[in-house]
Amino acid sequence: MSEFTDELLVDAEQRMTKSVDACRHELATVRTGRASPHLLDRVEVDYYGTETPLRQLSQIAATDARLLTLTPYDKNAIKVIEKAILESDLGLTPSNDGNVIRLQIPELNEERRRDLVKVVHGVAEEGRVAVRNIRRDVIHDLRELKKEGEIGEDDERRAEADLQKHTDAAIDEIESLLKGKEEEILEV
């Protein structure tokens, strides 16, 4: 294959890996019945007029299977951290003793589990669509190279076959992430 197709394939593989990693990160932030510090990754706090990730304002620890504790670096930020958690889509109610914020993770009921499964299916679908869009863009670039005479038809076909292998591998990885998260949510 030519250096043009190699370059395109390497770029596509890197972009697909980033899409899978982004999907993995999004799935980690979906709440299951267990306490995980990753649940709070999406929470942004209005700290002195600046949207700041919660992770930068406090230490987050899963001290128990159903309890998260947040120890703010700045004790004056407790109120704004609590407000941000209440306004998030997590459905958690914080309680504090002046130094530490505690988040009790409630047991999931069957209806909430089904809703969360729908959410993770949506996240996985976004990941699959991102991977397919990368494939579409690279195929378009390959056809442009062929039209300009930079590569031959055989190179284009080989590159498309390799691209499809990368696409299938990325989508399979997303599927396995989805399956694992779904089992974690449905586990009673």
N, C-alpha and C. Protein backbone atom coordinates (compact mmCIF):
# COMPACT_ATOMS: atom_id res chain seq x y z
N MET A 1 0.84 -1.19 0.00
CA MET A 1 0.00 0.00 0.00
C MET A 1 0.87 1.24 0.00
N SER A 2 0.27 2.33 -0.39
CA SER A 2 1.04 3.57 -0.50
C SER A 2 1.13 4.27 0.86
N GLU A 3 1.98 5.26 0.92
CA GLU A 3 2.14 6.01 2.17
C GLU A 3 0.88 6.81 2.48
N PHE A 4 0.14 7.20 1.43
CA PHE A 4 -1.11 7.95 1.66
C PHE A 4 -2.13 7.10 2.41
N THR A 5 -2.31 5.88 1.96
CA THR A 5 -3.31 5.01 2.60
C THR A 5 -2.85 4.62 4.00
N ASP A 6 -1.54 4.38 4.16
CA ASP A 6 -1.03 4.04 5.49
C ASP A 6 -1.30 5.16 6.47
N GLU A 7 -1.04 6.40 6.02
CA GLU A 7 -1.28 7.56 6.87
C GLU A 7 -2.75 7.67 7.26
N LEU A 8 -3.62 7.50 6.28
CA LEU A 8 -5.06 7.58 6.55
C LEU A 8 -5.51 6.50 7.53
N LEU A 9 -4.99 5.29 7.35
CA LEU A 9 -5.40 4.19 8.23
C LEU A 9 -4.89 4.38 9.65
N VAL A 10 -3.67 4.86 9.80
CA VAL A 10 -3.13 5.11 11.14
C VAL A 10 -3.96 6.18 11.84
N ASP A 11 -4.27 7.24 11.10
CA ASP A 11 -5.09 8.33 11.65
C ASP A 11 -6.47 7.81 12.04
N ALA A 12 -7.07 7.01 11.18
CA ALA A 12 -8.41 6.46 11.46
C ALA A 12 -8.37 5.57 12.71
N GLU A 13 -7.35 4.74 12.81
CA GLU A 13 -7.25 3.86 13.97
C GLU A 13 -7.11 4.66 15.27
N GLN A 14 -6.29 5.72 15.23
CA GLN A 14 -6.13 6.57 16.42
C GLN A 14 -7.44 7.25 16.79
N ARG A 15 -8.15 7.77 15.79
CA ARG A 15 -9.42 8.45 16.06
C ARG A 15 -10.46 7.47 16.59
N MET A 16 -10.47 6.25 16.06
CA MET A 16 -11.42 5.24 16.54
C MET A 16 -11.11 4.85 17.99
N THR A 17 -9.83 4.74 18.31
CA THR A 17 -9.42 4.43 19.68
C THR A 17 -9.89 5.53 20.63
N LYS A 18 -9.75 6.78 20.20
CA LYS A 18 -10.22 7.89 21.02
C LYS A 18 -11.74 7.84 21.21
N SER A 19 -12.46 7.46 20.17
CA SER A 19 -13.92 7.34 20.28
C SER A 19 -14.31 6.25 21.26
N VAL A 20 -13.62 5.12 21.21
CA VAL A 20 -13.89 4.03 22.15
C VAL A 20 -13.57 4.46 23.58
N ASP A 21 -12.45 5.18 23.76
CA ASP A 21 -12.09 5.67 25.09
C ASP A 21 -13.13 6.66 25.62
N ALA A 22 -13.62 7.53 24.74
CA ALA A 22 -14.65 8.49 25.15
C ALA A 22 -15.93 7.75 25.56
N CYS A 23 -16.27 6.71 24.83
CA CYS A 23 -17.45 5.90 25.16
C CYS A 23 -17.24 5.21 26.51
N ARG A 24 -16.04 4.68 26.72
CA ARG A 24 -15.72 4.02 27.99
C ARG A 24 -15.87 5.00 29.15
N HIS A 25 -15.38 6.21 28.95
CA HIS A 25 -15.46 7.24 29.99
C HIS A 25 -16.92 7.61 30.28
N GLU A 26 -17.70 7.80 29.22
CA GLU A 26 -19.13 8.14 29.40
C GLU A 26 -19.87 7.03 30.13
N LEU A 27 -19.58 5.78 29.79
CA LEU A 27 -20.24 4.65 30.45
C LEU A 27 -19.86 4.59 31.93
N ALA A 28 -18.63 4.98 32.25
CA ALA A 28 -18.19 4.94 33.65
C ALA A 28 -18.94 5.96 34.50
N THR A 29 -19.45 7.03 33.87
CA THR A 29 -20.14 8.05 34.64
C THR A 29 -21.62 7.72 34.87
N VAL A 30 -22.12 6.65 34.24
CA VAL A 30 -23.52 6.27 34.45
C VAL A 30 -23.62 5.54 35.78
N ARG A 31 -24.57 5.97 36.59
CA ARG A 31 -24.71 5.44 37.94
C ARG A 31 -25.25 4.01 37.94
N THR A 32 -24.60 3.17 38.68
CA THR A 32 -25.10 1.82 38.92
C THR A 32 -25.46 1.77 40.40
N GLY A 33 -25.68 0.61 40.94
CA GLY A 33 -26.02 0.51 42.36
C GLY A 33 -24.82 0.70 43.27
N ARG A 34 -23.62 0.77 42.68
CA ARG A 34 -22.39 0.88 43.47
C ARG A 34 -21.85 2.29 43.49
N ALA A 35 -21.18 2.62 44.56
CA ALA A 35 -20.53 3.94 44.66
C ALA A 35 -19.22 3.90 43.87
N SER A 36 -19.05 4.87 43.01
CA SER A 36 -17.81 4.99 42.25
C SER A 36 -17.49 6.48 42.09
N PRO A 37 -16.26 6.87 42.36
CA PRO A 37 -15.90 8.28 42.20
C PRO A 37 -16.16 8.81 40.78
N HIS A 38 -16.17 7.91 39.78
CA HIS A 38 -16.40 8.32 38.40
C HIS A 38 -17.82 8.85 38.18
N LEU A 39 -18.74 8.55 39.10
CA LEU A 39 -20.10 9.05 38.96
C LEU A 39 -20.13 10.57 38.91
N LEU A 40 -19.16 11.19 39.55
CA LEU A 40 -19.16 12.65 39.66
C LEU A 40 -18.29 13.34 38.61
N ASP A 41 -17.78 12.59 37.63
CA ASP A 41 -16.89 13.16 36.62
C ASP A 41 -17.56 14.27 35.81
N ARG A 42 -18.86 14.17 35.57
CA ARG A 42 -19.54 15.16 34.74
C ARG A 42 -20.02 16.38 35.53
N VAL A 43 -19.91 16.35 36.85
CA VAL A 43 -20.43 17.44 37.67
C VAL A 43 -19.48 18.65 37.61
N GLU A 44 -20.05 19.78 37.22
CA GLU A 44 -19.31 21.05 37.16
C GLU A 44 -19.85 21.95 38.26
N VAL A 45 -18.96 22.63 38.97
CA VAL A 45 -19.33 23.50 40.08
C VAL A 45 -19.03 24.95 39.69
N ASP A 46 -19.98 25.85 39.98
CA ASP A 46 -19.77 27.28 39.75
C ASP A 46 -18.94 27.81 40.92
N TYR A 47 -17.62 27.81 40.74
CA TYR A 47 -16.69 28.17 41.79
C TYR A 47 -16.13 29.56 41.49
N TYR A 48 -16.59 30.54 42.23
CA TYR A 48 -16.19 31.94 42.03
C TYR A 48 -16.37 32.37 40.57
N GLY A 49 -17.55 32.02 40.01
CA GLY A 49 -17.89 32.45 38.66
C GLY A 49 -17.30 31.62 37.54
N THR A 50 -16.58 30.57 37.86
CA THR A 50 -15.97 29.73 36.83
C THR A 50 -16.50 28.30 36.97
N GLU A 51 -16.92 27.71 35.84
CA GLU A 51 -17.35 26.31 35.87
C GLU A 51 -16.11 25.44 36.05
N THR A 52 -16.06 24.73 37.18
CA THR A 52 -14.88 23.94 37.53
C THR A 52 -15.31 22.50 37.77
N PRO A 53 -14.57 21.53 37.23
CA PRO A 53 -14.90 20.13 37.51
C PRO A 53 -14.81 19.83 39.02
N LEU A 54 -15.76 19.08 39.52
CA LEU A 54 -15.81 18.74 40.94
C LEU A 54 -14.52 18.08 41.41
N ARG A 55 -13.91 17.27 40.54
CA ARG A 55 -12.67 16.58 40.90
C ARG A 55 -11.55 17.54 41.29
N GLN A 56 -11.60 18.77 40.75
CA GLN A 56 -10.55 19.75 41.05
C GLN A 56 -10.81 20.48 42.36
N LEU A 57 -12.02 20.34 42.90
CA LEU A 57 -12.37 21.06 44.12
C LEU A 57 -12.38 20.19 45.36
N SER A 58 -12.39 18.89 45.18
CA SER A 58 -12.45 18.03 46.36
C SER A 58 -11.86 16.65 46.06
N GLN A 59 -11.52 15.99 47.15
CA GLN A 59 -11.06 14.61 47.06
C GLN A 59 -12.31 13.74 47.14
N ILE A 60 -12.44 12.79 46.22
CA ILE A 60 -13.64 11.94 46.16
C ILE A 60 -13.21 10.51 46.46
N ALA A 61 -13.91 9.88 47.40
CA ALA A 61 -13.56 8.50 47.76
C ALA A 61 -14.83 7.67 47.93
N ALA A 62 -14.76 6.43 47.50
CA ALA A 62 -15.86 5.48 47.74
C ALA A 62 -15.50 4.74 49.02
N THR A 63 -16.05 5.22 50.14
CA THR A 63 -15.68 4.65 51.44
C THR A 63 -16.46 3.38 51.75
N ASP A 64 -17.52 3.15 50.99
CA ASP A 64 -18.37 1.99 51.22
C ASP A 64 -18.99 1.63 49.87
N ALA A 65 -19.64 0.49 49.77
CA ALA A 65 -20.26 0.09 48.50
C ALA A 65 -21.37 1.06 48.09
N ARG A 66 -21.97 1.74 49.03
CA ARG A 66 -23.08 2.66 48.74
C ARG A 66 -22.84 4.08 49.26
N LEU A 67 -21.59 4.45 49.51
CA LEU A 67 -21.32 5.77 50.06
C LEU A 67 -20.10 6.41 49.40
N LEU A 68 -20.29 7.65 48.93
CA LEU A 68 -19.20 8.46 48.42
C LEU A 68 -18.95 9.59 49.40
N THR A 69 -17.69 9.86 49.70
CA THR A 69 -17.37 11.00 50.55
C THR A 69 -16.52 11.98 49.76
N LEU A 70 -16.85 13.25 49.88
CA LEU A 70 -16.12 14.31 49.21
C LEU A 70 -15.52 15.20 50.28
N THR A 71 -14.22 15.40 50.23
CA THR A 71 -13.54 16.28 51.16
C THR A 71 -13.06 17.49 50.36
N PRO A 72 -13.79 18.62 50.44
CA PRO A 72 -13.40 19.81 49.67
C PRO A 72 -12.06 20.36 50.14
N TYR A 73 -11.26 20.83 49.18
CA TYR A 73 -9.98 21.45 49.52
C TYR A 73 -10.23 22.82 50.16
N ASP A 74 -11.34 23.45 49.76
CA ASP A 74 -11.73 24.75 50.32
C ASP A 74 -13.07 24.54 51.03
N LYS A 75 -13.07 24.65 52.35
CA LYS A 75 -14.29 24.41 53.15
C LYS A 75 -15.41 25.38 52.78
N ASN A 76 -15.06 26.56 52.25
CA ASN A 76 -16.07 27.54 51.85
C ASN A 76 -16.85 27.09 50.61
N ALA A 77 -16.36 26.08 49.91
CA ALA A 77 -17.00 25.63 48.68
C ALA A 77 -18.07 24.58 48.92
N ILE A 78 -18.28 24.15 50.16
CA ILE A 78 -19.22 23.06 50.45
C ILE A 78 -20.61 23.36 49.89
N LYS A 79 -21.11 24.57 50.10
CA LYS A 79 -22.47 24.92 49.65
C LYS A 79 -22.59 24.86 48.13
N VAL A 80 -21.60 25.41 47.40
CA VAL A 80 -21.71 25.39 45.94
C VAL A 80 -21.52 23.98 45.38
N ILE A 81 -20.73 23.16 46.06
CA ILE A 81 -20.58 21.76 45.63
C ILE A 81 -21.90 21.03 45.83
N GLU A 82 -22.53 21.21 46.99
CA GLU A 82 -23.82 20.57 47.24
C GLU A 82 -24.85 21.01 46.20
N LYS A 83 -24.87 22.30 45.89
CA LYS A 83 -25.82 22.84 44.92
C LYS A 83 -25.60 22.18 43.55
N ALA A 84 -24.34 22.05 43.13
CA ALA A 84 -24.02 21.45 41.83
C ALA A 84 -24.46 19.98 41.78
N ILE A 85 -24.27 19.26 42.87
CA ILE A 85 -24.69 17.85 42.90
C ILE A 85 -26.21 17.75 42.82
N LEU A 86 -26.91 18.61 43.55
CA LEU A 86 -28.37 18.59 43.52
C LEU A 86 -28.90 18.94 42.13
N GLU A 87 -28.24 19.85 41.43
CA GLU A 87 -28.69 20.27 40.10
C GLU A 87 -28.28 19.30 39.00
N SER A 88 -27.38 18.36 39.30
CA SER A 88 -26.95 17.39 38.28
C SER A 88 -28.05 16.36 38.05
N ASP A 89 -27.86 15.53 37.03
CA ASP A 89 -28.86 14.51 36.70
C ASP A 89 -28.64 13.20 37.47
N LEU A 90 -27.83 13.24 38.53
CA LEU A 90 -27.49 12.02 39.25
C LEU A 90 -28.60 11.55 40.19
N GLY A 91 -29.43 12.46 40.65
CA GLY A 91 -30.50 12.08 41.58
C GLY A 91 -29.97 11.75 42.96
N LEU A 92 -28.87 12.37 43.38
CA LEU A 92 -28.29 12.12 44.69
C LEU A 92 -28.50 13.34 45.59
N THR A 93 -28.70 13.09 46.88
CA THR A 93 -28.88 14.16 47.83
C THR A 93 -27.68 14.20 48.78
N PRO A 94 -26.90 15.30 48.73
CA PRO A 94 -25.72 15.39 49.59
C PRO A 94 -26.07 15.78 51.03
N SER A 95 -25.26 15.33 51.97
CA SER A 95 -25.38 15.78 53.35
C SER A 95 -23.96 16.09 53.83
N ASN A 96 -23.81 17.12 54.69
CA ASN A 96 -22.47 17.46 55.12
C ASN A 96 -22.43 17.74 56.62
N ASP A 97 -21.22 17.62 57.16
CA ASP A 97 -21.01 17.90 58.59
C ASP A 97 -20.12 19.13 58.77
N GLY A 98 -19.99 19.93 57.71
CA GLY A 98 -19.14 21.11 57.77
C GLY A 98 -17.76 20.88 57.19
N ASN A 99 -17.31 19.63 57.15
CA ASN A 99 -15.99 19.30 56.60
C ASN A 99 -16.08 18.34 55.42
N VAL A 100 -16.99 17.39 55.50
CA VAL A 100 -17.09 16.31 54.51
C VAL A 100 -18.52 16.24 53.98
N ILE A 101 -18.64 16.04 52.66
CA ILE A 101 -19.95 15.83 52.05
C ILE A 101 -20.11 14.34 51.81
N ARG A 102 -21.25 13.81 52.23
CA ARG A 102 -21.53 12.39 52.04
C ARG A 102 -22.65 12.23 51.02
N LEU A 103 -22.47 11.27 50.11
CA LEU A 103 -23.50 10.95 49.12
C LEU A 103 -23.88 9.49 49.29
N GLN A 104 -25.08 9.25 49.76
CA GLN A 104 -25.57 7.88 49.90
C GLN A 104 -26.13 7.44 48.55
N ILE A 105 -25.64 6.34 48.02
CA ILE A 105 -26.11 5.83 46.74
C ILE A 105 -27.29 4.90 47.02
N PRO A 106 -28.50 5.30 46.61
CA PRO A 106 -29.67 4.46 46.91
C PRO A 106 -29.68 3.18 46.06
N GLU A 107 -30.36 2.20 46.57
CA GLU A 107 -30.57 0.94 45.84
C GLU A 107 -31.41 1.27 44.59
N LEU A 108 -31.05 0.68 43.46
CA LEU A 108 -31.80 0.93 42.24
C LEU A 108 -33.04 0.03 42.18
N ASN A 109 -34.18 0.62 41.82
CA ASN A 109 -35.36 -0.22 41.62
C ASN A 109 -35.38 -0.69 40.16
N GLU A 110 -36.28 -1.59 39.85
CA GLU A 110 -36.32 -2.22 38.53
C GLU A 110 -36.54 -1.18 37.41
N GLU A 111 -37.44 -0.24 37.66
CA GLU A 111 -37.74 0.77 36.64
C GLU A 111 -36.52 1.64 36.36
N ARG A 112 -35.83 2.05 37.42
CA ARG A 112 -34.63 2.89 37.26
C ARG A 112 -33.52 2.11 36.53
N ARG A 113 -33.42 0.83 36.82
CA ARG A 113 -32.43 -0.01 36.12
C ARG A 113 -32.70 -0.02 34.62
N ARG A 114 -33.98 -0.20 34.25
CA ARG A 114 -34.33 -0.21 32.83
C ARG A 114 -34.01 1.13 32.17
N ASP A 115 -34.29 2.22 32.89
CA ASP A 115 -33.97 3.55 32.36
C ASP A 115 -32.47 3.71 32.14
N LEU A 116 -31.68 3.23 33.10
CA LEU A 116 -30.22 3.33 32.97
C LEU A 116 -29.70 2.47 31.82
N VAL A 117 -30.33 1.31 31.60
CA VAL A 117 -29.93 0.46 30.47
C VAL A 117 -30.18 1.22 29.16
N LYS A 118 -31.31 1.94 29.08
CA LYS A 118 -31.59 2.75 27.88
C LYS A 118 -30.53 3.83 27.71
N VAL A 119 -30.13 4.44 28.81
CA VAL A 119 -29.10 5.49 28.75
C VAL A 119 -27.79 4.91 28.23
N VAL A 120 -27.36 3.76 28.75
CA VAL A 120 -26.08 3.20 28.30
C VAL A 120 -26.17 2.72 26.85
N HIS A 121 -27.34 2.26 26.43
CA HIS A 121 -27.50 1.90 25.01
C HIS A 121 -27.33 3.14 24.13
N GLY A 122 -27.87 4.28 24.60
CA GLY A 122 -27.71 5.53 23.86
C GLY A 122 -26.25 5.96 23.78
N VAL A 123 -25.54 5.83 24.89
CA VAL A 123 -24.11 6.19 24.92
C VAL A 123 -23.33 5.29 23.96
N ALA A 124 -23.63 3.99 23.99
CA ALA A 124 -22.93 3.06 23.10
C ALA A 124 -23.26 3.37 21.64
N GLU A 125 -24.51 3.73 21.35
CA GLU A 125 -24.88 4.06 19.98
C GLU A 125 -24.13 5.30 19.50
N GLU A 126 -23.97 6.29 20.38
CA GLU A 126 -23.18 7.47 20.02
C GLU A 126 -21.74 7.07 19.68
N GLY A 127 -21.19 6.15 20.45
CA GLY A 127 -19.83 5.67 20.18
C GLY A 127 -19.74 4.96 18.84
N ARG A 128 -20.74 4.10 18.55
CA ARG A 128 -20.74 3.38 17.26
C ARG A 128 -20.87 4.37 16.10
N VAL A 129 -21.74 5.36 16.25
CA VAL A 129 -21.93 6.35 15.20
C VAL A 129 -20.63 7.13 14.96
N ALA A 130 -19.94 7.49 16.04
CA ALA A 130 -18.67 8.21 15.90
C ALA A 130 -17.66 7.38 15.11
N VAL A 131 -17.59 6.09 15.42
CA VAL A 131 -16.65 5.20 14.71
C VAL A 131 -17.04 5.09 13.24
N ARG A 132 -18.33 4.95 12.96
CA ARG A 132 -18.79 4.84 11.57
C ARG A 132 -18.54 6.14 10.80
N ASN A 133 -18.67 7.27 11.48
CA ASN A 133 -18.39 8.55 10.82
C ASN A 133 -16.92 8.65 10.43
N ILE A 134 -16.06 8.15 11.29
CA ILE A 134 -14.63 8.15 10.98
C ILE A 134 -14.39 7.28 9.74
N ARG A 135 -15.03 6.10 9.70
CA ARG A 135 -14.88 5.22 8.55
C ARG A 135 -15.36 5.92 7.27
N ARG A 136 -16.52 6.58 7.37
CA ARG A 136 -17.08 7.27 6.20
C ARG A 136 -16.12 8.34 5.70
N ASP A 137 -15.56 9.13 6.63
CA ASP A 137 -14.63 10.19 6.24
C ASP A 137 -13.39 9.63 5.55
N VAL A 138 -12.84 8.55 6.08
CA VAL A 138 -11.63 7.97 5.50
C VAL A 138 -11.93 7.35 4.14
N ILE A 139 -13.08 6.71 3.99
CA ILE A 139 -13.44 6.16 2.68
C ILE A 139 -13.56 7.29 1.66
N HIS A 140 -14.15 8.40 2.09
CA HIS A 140 -14.26 9.56 1.20
C HIS A 140 -12.85 10.03 0.79
N ASP A 141 -11.94 10.12 1.75
CA ASP A 141 -10.56 10.54 1.45
C ASP A 141 -9.88 9.56 0.50
N LEU A 142 -10.12 8.25 0.71
CA LEU A 142 -9.52 7.24 -0.18
C LEU A 142 -10.03 7.41 -1.61
N ARG A 143 -11.32 7.66 -1.75
CA ARG A 143 -11.89 7.84 -3.09
C ARG A 143 -11.33 9.10 -3.76
N GLU A 144 -11.11 10.15 -2.96
CA GLU A 144 -10.50 11.37 -3.49
C GLU A 144 -9.09 11.09 -3.99
N LEU A 145 -8.31 10.33 -3.19
CA LEU A 145 -6.94 9.99 -3.60
C LEU A 145 -6.95 9.18 -4.90
N LYS A 146 -7.91 8.26 -5.00
CA LYS A 146 -7.99 7.44 -6.21
C LYS A 146 -8.36 8.32 -7.41
N LYS A 147 -9.30 9.23 -7.21
CA LYS A 147 -9.75 10.10 -8.29
C LYS A 147 -8.60 11.02 -8.76
N GLU A 148 -7.76 11.44 -7.81
CA GLU A 148 -6.62 12.30 -8.16
C GLU A 148 -5.45 11.49 -8.73
N GLY A 149 -5.56 10.17 -8.72
CA GLY A 149 -4.51 9.33 -9.28
C GLY A 149 -3.36 9.07 -8.33
N GLU A 150 -3.52 9.41 -7.05
CA GLU A 150 -2.45 9.20 -6.06
C GLU A 150 -2.31 7.72 -5.68
N ILE A 151 -3.44 6.99 -5.72
CA ILE A 151 -3.41 5.56 -5.40
C ILE A 151 -4.21 4.81 -6.47
N GLY A 152 -3.93 3.51 -6.56
CA GLY A 152 -4.65 2.69 -7.52
C GLY A 152 -5.88 2.05 -6.89
N GLU A 153 -6.66 1.38 -7.73
CA GLU A 153 -7.89 0.74 -7.25
C GLU A 153 -7.59 -0.37 -6.25
N ASP A 154 -6.52 -1.14 -6.49
CA ASP A 154 -6.16 -2.22 -5.57
C ASP A 154 -5.80 -1.67 -4.19
N ASP A 155 -5.00 -0.58 -4.18
CA ASP A 155 -4.65 0.04 -2.89
C ASP A 155 -5.89 0.53 -2.17
N GLU A 156 -6.81 1.12 -2.93
CA GLU A 156 -8.04 1.62 -2.32
C GLU A 156 -8.83 0.46 -1.69
N ARG A 157 -8.95 -0.65 -2.42
CA ARG A 157 -9.71 -1.80 -1.90
C ARG A 157 -9.05 -2.38 -0.66
N ARG A 158 -7.72 -2.53 -0.70
CA ARG A 158 -7.00 -3.06 0.47
C ARG A 158 -7.17 -2.15 1.67
N ALA A 159 -7.05 -0.85 1.43
CA ALA A 159 -7.18 0.11 2.53
C ALA A 159 -8.60 0.07 3.10
N GLU A 160 -9.60 -0.04 2.24
CA GLU A 160 -10.99 -0.13 2.72
C GLU A 160 -11.20 -1.40 3.54
N ALA A 161 -10.59 -2.51 3.12
CA ALA A 161 -10.71 -3.76 3.88
C ALA A 161 -10.05 -3.62 5.26
N ASP A 162 -8.86 -3.01 5.30
CA ASP A 162 -8.19 -2.77 6.58
C ASP A 162 -9.01 -1.84 7.46
N LEU A 163 -9.55 -0.81 6.84
CA LEU A 163 -10.38 0.15 7.57
C LEU A 163 -11.59 -0.54 8.18
N GLN A 164 -12.19 -1.45 7.42
CA GLN A 164 -13.36 -2.17 7.92
C GLN A 164 -12.97 -3.06 9.12
N LYS A 165 -11.78 -3.64 9.08
CA LYS A 165 -11.31 -4.45 10.22
C LYS A 165 -11.16 -3.58 11.46
N HIS A 166 -10.57 -2.39 11.29
CA HIS A 166 -10.42 -1.47 12.43
C HIS A 166 -11.79 -1.05 12.96
N THR A 167 -12.71 -0.77 12.04
CA THR A 167 -14.07 -0.36 12.42
C THR A 167 -14.76 -1.47 13.21
N ASP A 168 -14.68 -2.70 12.69
CA ASP A 168 -15.31 -3.84 13.38
C ASP A 168 -14.72 -4.05 14.76
N ALA A 169 -13.39 -3.90 14.88
CA ALA A 169 -12.74 -4.09 16.19
C ALA A 169 -13.21 -3.02 17.17
N ALA A 170 -13.31 -1.77 16.73
CA ALA A 170 -13.75 -0.69 17.61
C ALA A 170 -15.19 -0.90 18.05
N ILE A 171 -16.05 -1.28 17.11
CA ILE A 171 -17.46 -1.50 17.44
C ILE A 171 -17.61 -2.71 18.37
N ASP A 172 -16.82 -3.75 18.14
CA ASP A 172 -16.85 -4.91 19.05
C ASP A 172 -16.45 -4.52 20.46
N GLU A 173 -15.44 -3.64 20.57
CA GLU A 173 -15.00 -3.19 21.90
C GLU A 173 -16.11 -2.39 22.58
N ILE A 174 -16.79 -1.53 21.83
CA ILE A 174 -17.91 -0.77 22.39
C ILE A 174 -19.01 -1.72 22.84
N GLU A 175 -19.27 -2.74 22.05
CA GLU A 175 -20.31 -3.72 22.41
C GLU A 175 -19.95 -4.45 23.71
N SER A 176 -18.68 -4.81 23.85
CA SER A 176 -18.30 -5.52 25.09
C SER A 176 -18.38 -4.57 26.29
N LEU A 177 -18.03 -3.29 26.10
CA LEU A 177 -18.19 -2.31 27.19
C LEU A 177 -19.66 -2.18 27.57
N LEU A 178 -20.52 -2.12 26.56
CA LEU A 178 -21.96 -2.00 26.79
C LEU A 178 -22.48 -3.22 27.54
N LYS A 179 -22.07 -4.39 27.11
CA LYS A 179 -22.53 -5.62 27.75
C LYS A 179 -22.12 -5.66 29.22
N GLY A 180 -20.87 -5.29 29.50
CA GLY A 180 -20.39 -5.27 30.88
C GLY A 180 -21.15 -4.28 31.74
N LYS A 181 -21.40 -3.09 31.19
CA LYS A 181 -22.11 -2.05 31.95
C LYS A 181 -23.57 -2.47 32.18
N GLU A 182 -24.16 -3.07 31.17
CA GLU A 182 -25.55 -3.54 31.29
C GLU A 182 -25.66 -4.60 32.39
N GLU A 183 -24.72 -5.54 32.42
CA GLU A 183 -24.73 -6.56 33.48
C GLU A 183 -24.55 -5.92 34.84
N GLU A 184 -23.67 -4.91 34.92
CA GLU A 184 -23.42 -4.22 36.19
C GLU A 184 -24.68 -3.52 36.68
N ILE A 185 -25.45 -2.91 35.76
CA ILE A 185 -26.67 -2.21 36.13
C ILE A 185 -27.76 -3.19 36.56
N LEU A 186 -27.91 -4.28 35.83
CA LEU A 186 -29.00 -5.22 36.11
C LEU A 186 -28.71 -6.15 37.28
N GLU A 187 -27.42 -6.17 37.72
CA GLU A 187 -27.04 -7.01 38.86
C GLU A 187 -27.75 -6.52 40.13
N VAL A 188 -28.42 -7.45 40.79
CA VAL A 188 -29.19 -7.06 42.01
C VAL A 188 -28.40 -7.41 43.24
